[in-house]
Amino acid sequence: NTLEQVVRAFPDALQAKNDAGHLPLHQAIQATLASESIGEAPYLVDGVTYLLDQYPTGAKALDGFGKAPLAKVLQAMDCTSALRLDESDSILGVARTLYEIAPQVAMNQDGRGRTAMHYCAVL
């Protein structure tokens, strides 16, 4: 697929942050959670999983707001996405994988003093 081709051609891109401090992993998580179509979610989750497989250290990377990918997943799982979990709980698998790779980031505080557990508690 296209993502795999890009990563093979530019493996260092996995570690490149944009001006908001986002790795490609952060962006892929945002795209997955912002997806309007539940039909797109498994495809997007596959991309997140692939990026984690290729660069597991990304699970520990904080964005420009001090959020680790786990916190981004839990923050973005608002009421709308929580309702969709019955149809596809694959994003929960991503959260579980992120936690398994980097459990220590669950207690990192972001720029607002919130941890991933704060975001999890409001689900």
N, C-alpha and C. Protein backbone atom coordinates (compact mmCIF):
# COMPACT_ATOMS: atom_id res chain seq x y z
N ASN A 1 0.83 -1.20 0.00
CA ASN A 1 0.00 0.00 0.00
C ASN A 1 0.87 1.26 0.00
N THR A 2 0.25 2.38 -0.16
CA THR A 2 0.97 3.65 -0.29
C THR A 2 1.76 4.00 0.96
N LEU A 3 1.18 3.81 2.13
CA LEU A 3 1.88 4.13 3.38
C LEU A 3 3.16 3.30 3.50
N GLU A 4 3.07 2.03 3.22
CA GLU A 4 4.26 1.17 3.29
C GLU A 4 5.32 1.61 2.30
N GLN A 5 4.92 2.00 1.11
CA GLN A 5 5.88 2.47 0.11
C GLN A 5 6.59 3.74 0.57
N VAL A 6 5.83 4.65 1.15
CA VAL A 6 6.42 5.91 1.63
C VAL A 6 7.40 5.62 2.78
N VAL A 7 7.01 4.75 3.70
CA VAL A 7 7.88 4.44 4.83
C VAL A 7 9.15 3.74 4.36
N ARG A 8 9.02 2.84 3.38
CA ARG A 8 10.22 2.19 2.83
C ARG A 8 11.15 3.21 2.17
N ALA A 9 10.57 4.15 1.46
CA ALA A 9 11.38 5.16 0.75
C ALA A 9 11.97 6.20 1.71
N PHE A 10 11.22 6.53 2.76
CA PHE A 10 11.64 7.59 3.69
C PHE A 10 11.46 7.14 5.15
N PRO A 11 12.22 6.15 5.59
CA PRO A 11 12.02 5.63 6.95
C PRO A 11 12.21 6.67 8.06
N ASP A 12 13.06 7.66 7.81
CA ASP A 12 13.27 8.69 8.82
C ASP A 12 12.04 9.58 9.02
N ALA A 13 11.14 9.55 8.08
CA ALA A 13 9.93 10.36 8.19
C ALA A 13 9.07 9.93 9.38
N LEU A 14 9.22 8.70 9.83
CA LEU A 14 8.46 8.22 10.99
C LEU A 14 8.77 9.03 12.24
N GLN A 15 9.97 9.62 12.28
CA GLN A 15 10.42 10.37 13.44
C GLN A 15 10.30 11.89 13.27
N ALA A 16 9.83 12.31 12.11
CA ALA A 16 9.75 13.74 11.80
C ALA A 16 8.48 14.35 12.38
N LYS A 17 8.64 15.43 13.11
CA LYS A 17 7.48 16.14 13.66
C LYS A 17 7.15 17.34 12.80
N ASN A 18 5.85 17.64 12.71
CA ASN A 18 5.44 18.84 11.99
C ASN A 18 5.49 20.04 12.94
N ASP A 19 5.00 21.19 12.48
CA ASP A 19 5.10 22.40 13.31
C ASP A 19 4.24 22.35 14.57
N ALA A 20 3.29 21.41 14.65
CA ALA A 20 2.50 21.23 15.87
C ALA A 20 3.11 20.17 16.78
N GLY A 21 4.27 19.65 16.37
CA GLY A 21 4.93 18.63 17.17
C GLY A 21 4.36 17.23 16.96
N HIS A 22 3.61 17.05 15.88
CA HIS A 22 2.99 15.75 15.61
C HIS A 22 3.88 14.86 14.75
N LEU A 23 4.03 13.63 15.19
CA LEU A 23 4.62 12.60 14.35
C LEU A 23 3.55 12.11 13.36
N PRO A 24 3.94 11.39 12.32
CA PRO A 24 2.93 10.76 11.47
C PRO A 24 1.95 9.90 12.29
N LEU A 25 2.44 9.27 13.35
CA LEU A 25 1.56 8.47 14.21
C LEU A 25 0.46 9.33 14.83
N HIS A 26 0.81 10.51 15.35
CA HIS A 26 -0.20 11.41 15.92
C HIS A 26 -1.25 11.77 14.86
N GLN A 27 -0.78 12.09 13.66
CA GLN A 27 -1.68 12.47 12.58
C GLN A 27 -2.59 11.32 12.18
N ALA A 28 -2.03 10.11 12.12
CA ALA A 28 -2.84 8.94 11.75
C ALA A 28 -3.92 8.68 12.79
N ILE A 29 -3.59 8.86 14.06
CA ILE A 29 -4.57 8.68 15.13
C ILE A 29 -5.68 9.72 14.97
N GLN A 30 -5.31 10.97 14.74
CA GLN A 30 -6.32 12.01 14.56
C GLN A 30 -7.22 11.70 13.37
N ALA A 31 -6.64 11.26 12.27
CA ALA A 31 -7.45 10.94 11.08
C ALA A 31 -8.40 9.79 11.36
N THR A 32 -7.93 8.81 12.11
CA THR A 32 -8.77 7.66 12.44
C THR A 32 -9.96 8.08 13.28
N LEU A 33 -9.70 8.88 14.29
CA LEU A 33 -10.76 9.28 15.21
C LEU A 33 -11.69 10.32 14.61
N ALA A 34 -11.21 11.06 13.62
CA ALA A 34 -12.04 12.07 12.97
C ALA A 34 -12.85 11.49 11.82
N SER A 35 -12.60 10.23 11.50
CA SER A 35 -13.29 9.60 10.37
C SER A 35 -14.79 9.63 10.57
N GLU A 36 -15.49 10.13 9.58
CA GLU A 36 -16.95 10.19 9.64
C GLU A 36 -17.57 8.83 9.35
N SER A 37 -16.87 8.03 8.61
CA SER A 37 -17.42 6.75 8.17
C SER A 37 -16.81 5.61 8.95
N ILE A 38 -17.62 4.81 9.62
CA ILE A 38 -17.12 3.66 10.35
C ILE A 38 -16.50 2.67 9.39
N GLY A 39 -16.90 2.70 8.12
CA GLY A 39 -16.30 1.83 7.12
C GLY A 39 -14.84 2.16 6.86
N GLU A 40 -14.46 3.41 7.07
CA GLU A 40 -13.07 3.82 6.89
C GLU A 40 -12.21 3.46 8.10
N ALA A 41 -12.82 3.32 9.25
CA ALA A 41 -12.05 3.14 10.48
C ALA A 41 -11.09 1.95 10.45
N PRO A 42 -11.51 0.75 10.03
CA PRO A 42 -10.55 -0.36 10.03
C PRO A 42 -9.33 -0.08 9.15
N TYR A 43 -9.54 0.56 8.02
CA TYR A 43 -8.43 0.90 7.12
C TYR A 43 -7.48 1.88 7.81
N LEU A 44 -8.03 2.87 8.45
CA LEU A 44 -7.20 3.86 9.13
C LEU A 44 -6.50 3.26 10.35
N VAL A 45 -7.19 2.39 11.08
CA VAL A 45 -6.58 1.71 12.23
C VAL A 45 -5.41 0.86 11.76
N ASP A 46 -5.55 0.23 10.60
CA ASP A 46 -4.44 -0.54 10.04
C ASP A 46 -3.22 0.35 9.83
N GLY A 47 -3.43 1.58 9.38
CA GLY A 47 -2.34 2.52 9.19
C GLY A 47 -1.67 2.87 10.51
N VAL A 48 -2.46 3.11 11.55
CA VAL A 48 -1.91 3.42 12.87
C VAL A 48 -1.10 2.22 13.37
N THR A 49 -1.66 1.03 13.23
CA THR A 49 -0.98 -0.19 13.66
C THR A 49 0.34 -0.37 12.92
N TYR A 50 0.32 -0.12 11.62
CA TYR A 50 1.55 -0.23 10.82
C TYR A 50 2.61 0.76 11.30
N LEU A 51 2.21 2.00 11.54
CA LEU A 51 3.16 3.00 12.02
C LEU A 51 3.75 2.60 13.38
N LEU A 52 2.93 2.04 14.25
CA LEU A 52 3.42 1.57 15.54
C LEU A 52 4.39 0.40 15.37
N ASP A 53 4.08 -0.50 14.45
CA ASP A 53 4.98 -1.63 14.19
C ASP A 53 6.33 -1.14 13.69
N GLN A 54 6.32 -0.13 12.84
CA GLN A 54 7.55 0.37 12.25
C GLN A 54 8.34 1.28 13.19
N TYR A 55 7.64 1.96 14.08
CA TYR A 55 8.29 2.91 14.99
C TYR A 55 7.60 2.88 16.35
N PRO A 56 7.79 1.80 17.11
CA PRO A 56 7.11 1.70 18.41
C PRO A 56 7.48 2.79 19.39
N THR A 57 8.66 3.38 19.24
CA THR A 57 9.05 4.49 20.12
C THR A 57 8.10 5.67 19.97
N GLY A 58 7.41 5.75 18.85
CA GLY A 58 6.42 6.81 18.64
C GLY A 58 5.32 6.81 19.69
N ALA A 59 5.07 5.65 20.30
CA ALA A 59 4.05 5.56 21.35
C ALA A 59 4.41 6.42 22.55
N LYS A 60 5.69 6.73 22.70
CA LYS A 60 6.16 7.55 23.84
C LYS A 60 6.28 9.03 23.48
N ALA A 61 6.18 9.34 22.20
CA ALA A 61 6.45 10.71 21.74
C ALA A 61 5.33 11.67 22.11
N LEU A 62 5.71 12.78 22.68
CA LEU A 62 4.74 13.82 23.03
C LEU A 62 4.62 14.80 21.89
N ASP A 63 3.41 15.27 21.65
CA ASP A 63 3.21 16.28 20.62
C ASP A 63 3.51 17.66 21.20
N GLY A 64 3.25 18.70 20.43
CA GLY A 64 3.54 20.06 20.87
C GLY A 64 2.72 20.51 22.08
N PHE A 65 1.67 19.77 22.41
CA PHE A 65 0.83 20.09 23.56
C PHE A 65 1.15 19.20 24.75
N GLY A 66 2.18 18.37 24.59
CA GLY A 66 2.58 17.47 25.67
C GLY A 66 1.77 16.20 25.75
N LYS A 67 1.01 15.88 24.69
CA LYS A 67 0.17 14.68 24.70
C LYS A 67 0.87 13.53 23.99
N ALA A 68 0.86 12.38 24.65
CA ALA A 68 1.32 11.14 24.03
C ALA A 68 0.18 10.59 23.17
N PRO A 69 0.48 9.71 22.23
CA PRO A 69 -0.58 9.14 21.40
C PRO A 69 -1.73 8.52 22.20
N LEU A 70 -1.43 7.87 23.31
CA LEU A 70 -2.49 7.28 24.13
C LEU A 70 -3.47 8.34 24.60
N ALA A 71 -2.96 9.47 25.06
CA ALA A 71 -3.84 10.56 25.52
C ALA A 71 -4.67 11.09 24.36
N LYS A 72 -4.06 11.16 23.16
CA LYS A 72 -4.80 11.66 22.00
C LYS A 72 -5.98 10.73 21.68
N VAL A 73 -5.74 9.42 21.75
CA VAL A 73 -6.81 8.46 21.48
C VAL A 73 -7.93 8.63 22.50
N LEU A 74 -7.56 8.66 23.77
CA LEU A 74 -8.58 8.75 24.82
C LEU A 74 -9.30 10.09 24.80
N GLN A 75 -8.60 11.16 24.51
CA GLN A 75 -9.24 12.47 24.45
C GLN A 75 -10.25 12.52 23.30
N ALA A 76 -9.88 11.97 22.17
CA ALA A 76 -10.73 12.07 20.99
C ALA A 76 -11.92 11.12 21.03
N MET A 77 -11.91 10.16 21.94
CA MET A 77 -13.04 9.23 22.03
C MET A 77 -14.18 9.91 22.80
N ASP A 78 -14.80 10.88 22.14
CA ASP A 78 -15.90 11.60 22.74
C ASP A 78 -17.18 10.77 22.64
N CYS A 79 -18.31 11.37 22.95
CA CYS A 79 -19.57 10.63 22.92
C CYS A 79 -19.86 10.03 21.55
N THR A 80 -19.56 10.77 20.51
CA THR A 80 -19.83 10.28 19.16
C THR A 80 -19.03 9.03 18.87
N SER A 81 -17.73 9.07 19.12
CA SER A 81 -16.93 7.89 18.82
C SER A 81 -17.22 6.76 19.80
N ALA A 82 -17.58 7.09 21.03
CA ALA A 82 -17.92 6.04 21.99
C ALA A 82 -19.15 5.27 21.52
N LEU A 83 -20.10 5.97 20.91
CA LEU A 83 -21.27 5.28 20.38
C LEU A 83 -20.90 4.35 19.24
N ARG A 84 -19.89 4.68 18.48
CA ARG A 84 -19.48 3.85 17.35
C ARG A 84 -18.70 2.62 17.78
N LEU A 85 -18.29 2.55 19.04
CA LEU A 85 -17.46 1.44 19.48
C LEU A 85 -18.18 0.11 19.38
N ASP A 86 -19.52 0.11 19.47
CA ASP A 86 -20.25 -1.13 19.30
C ASP A 86 -20.06 -1.69 17.90
N GLU A 87 -19.93 -0.82 16.92
CA GLU A 87 -19.76 -1.25 15.54
C GLU A 87 -18.32 -1.65 15.25
N SER A 88 -17.38 -0.99 15.84
CA SER A 88 -15.98 -1.28 15.59
C SER A 88 -15.15 -0.86 16.79
N ASP A 89 -14.69 -1.85 17.54
CA ASP A 89 -13.89 -1.52 18.72
C ASP A 89 -12.41 -1.57 18.44
N SER A 90 -12.02 -1.50 17.17
CA SER A 90 -10.61 -1.59 16.80
C SER A 90 -9.79 -0.44 17.37
N ILE A 91 -10.40 0.72 17.57
CA ILE A 91 -9.66 1.84 18.13
C ILE A 91 -9.30 1.55 19.59
N LEU A 92 -10.12 0.77 20.27
CA LEU A 92 -9.77 0.35 21.62
C LEU A 92 -8.53 -0.55 21.59
N GLY A 93 -8.41 -1.35 20.54
CA GLY A 93 -7.22 -2.17 20.37
C GLY A 93 -5.98 -1.31 20.20
N VAL A 94 -6.13 -0.20 19.48
CA VAL A 94 -5.01 0.74 19.31
C VAL A 94 -4.63 1.32 20.68
N ALA A 95 -5.62 1.73 21.46
CA ALA A 95 -5.34 2.27 22.79
C ALA A 95 -4.62 1.23 23.65
N ARG A 96 -5.08 0.00 23.58
CA ARG A 96 -4.46 -1.07 24.36
C ARG A 96 -3.00 -1.28 23.91
N THR A 97 -2.77 -1.30 22.61
CA THR A 97 -1.42 -1.48 22.08
C THR A 97 -0.52 -0.34 22.52
N LEU A 98 -1.01 0.90 22.42
CA LEU A 98 -0.22 2.05 22.86
C LEU A 98 0.17 1.92 24.33
N TYR A 99 -0.78 1.48 25.14
CA TYR A 99 -0.51 1.32 26.57
C TYR A 99 0.51 0.21 26.81
N GLU A 100 0.37 -0.90 26.07
CA GLU A 100 1.31 -2.01 26.24
C GLU A 100 2.73 -1.62 25.85
N ILE A 101 2.87 -0.81 24.82
CA ILE A 101 4.19 -0.39 24.36
C ILE A 101 4.81 0.62 25.33
N ALA A 102 4.00 1.55 25.82
CA ALA A 102 4.53 2.63 26.66
C ALA A 102 3.59 2.94 27.82
N PRO A 103 3.49 2.03 28.79
CA PRO A 103 2.56 2.28 29.91
C PRO A 103 2.90 3.52 30.73
N GLN A 104 4.18 3.89 30.74
CA GLN A 104 4.61 5.03 31.54
C GLN A 104 3.98 6.35 31.07
N VAL A 105 3.58 6.44 29.81
CA VAL A 105 3.02 7.71 29.34
C VAL A 105 1.59 7.93 29.83
N ALA A 106 0.98 6.92 30.38
CA ALA A 106 -0.38 7.08 30.89
C ALA A 106 -0.46 8.14 31.98
N MET A 107 0.64 8.37 32.66
CA MET A 107 0.64 9.34 33.75
C MET A 107 1.37 10.64 33.39
N ASN A 108 1.84 10.77 32.14
CA ASN A 108 2.44 12.04 31.71
C ASN A 108 1.38 13.12 31.71
N GLN A 109 1.73 14.30 32.20
CA GLN A 109 0.80 15.41 32.18
C GLN A 109 1.02 16.23 30.91
N ASP A 110 -0.08 16.58 30.26
CA ASP A 110 0.02 17.43 29.07
C ASP A 110 0.10 18.89 29.51
N GLY A 111 0.03 19.79 28.56
CA GLY A 111 0.14 21.22 28.86
C GLY A 111 -0.96 21.75 29.76
N ARG A 112 -2.04 21.00 29.90
CA ARG A 112 -3.14 21.43 30.78
C ARG A 112 -3.14 20.67 32.10
N GLY A 113 -2.10 19.89 32.32
CA GLY A 113 -1.99 19.13 33.56
C GLY A 113 -2.79 17.84 33.56
N ARG A 114 -3.30 17.44 32.42
CA ARG A 114 -4.12 16.23 32.32
C ARG A 114 -3.28 15.05 31.86
N THR A 115 -3.61 13.88 32.40
CA THR A 115 -2.96 12.65 31.98
C THR A 115 -3.92 11.87 31.08
N ALA A 116 -3.42 10.81 30.47
CA ALA A 116 -4.28 9.93 29.68
C ALA A 116 -5.41 9.39 30.54
N MET A 117 -5.12 9.16 31.81
CA MET A 117 -6.14 8.64 32.70
C MET A 117 -7.26 9.65 32.94
N HIS A 118 -6.94 10.95 32.90
CA HIS A 118 -7.99 11.97 33.01
C HIS A 118 -8.95 11.84 31.84
N TYR A 119 -8.40 11.66 30.65
CA TYR A 119 -9.25 11.54 29.45
C TYR A 119 -10.05 10.24 29.50
N CYS A 120 -9.44 9.18 29.99
CA CYS A 120 -10.11 7.89 30.09
C CYS A 120 -11.28 7.96 31.07
N ALA A 121 -11.12 8.71 32.13
CA ALA A 121 -12.14 8.78 33.18
C ALA A 121 -13.44 9.42 32.69
N VAL A 122 -13.38 10.22 31.64
CA VAL A 122 -14.60 10.88 31.19
C VAL A 122 -15.35 10.07 30.14
N LEU A 123 -14.83 8.91 29.77
CA LEU A 123 -15.53 8.08 28.77
C LEU A 123 -16.80 7.49 29.34
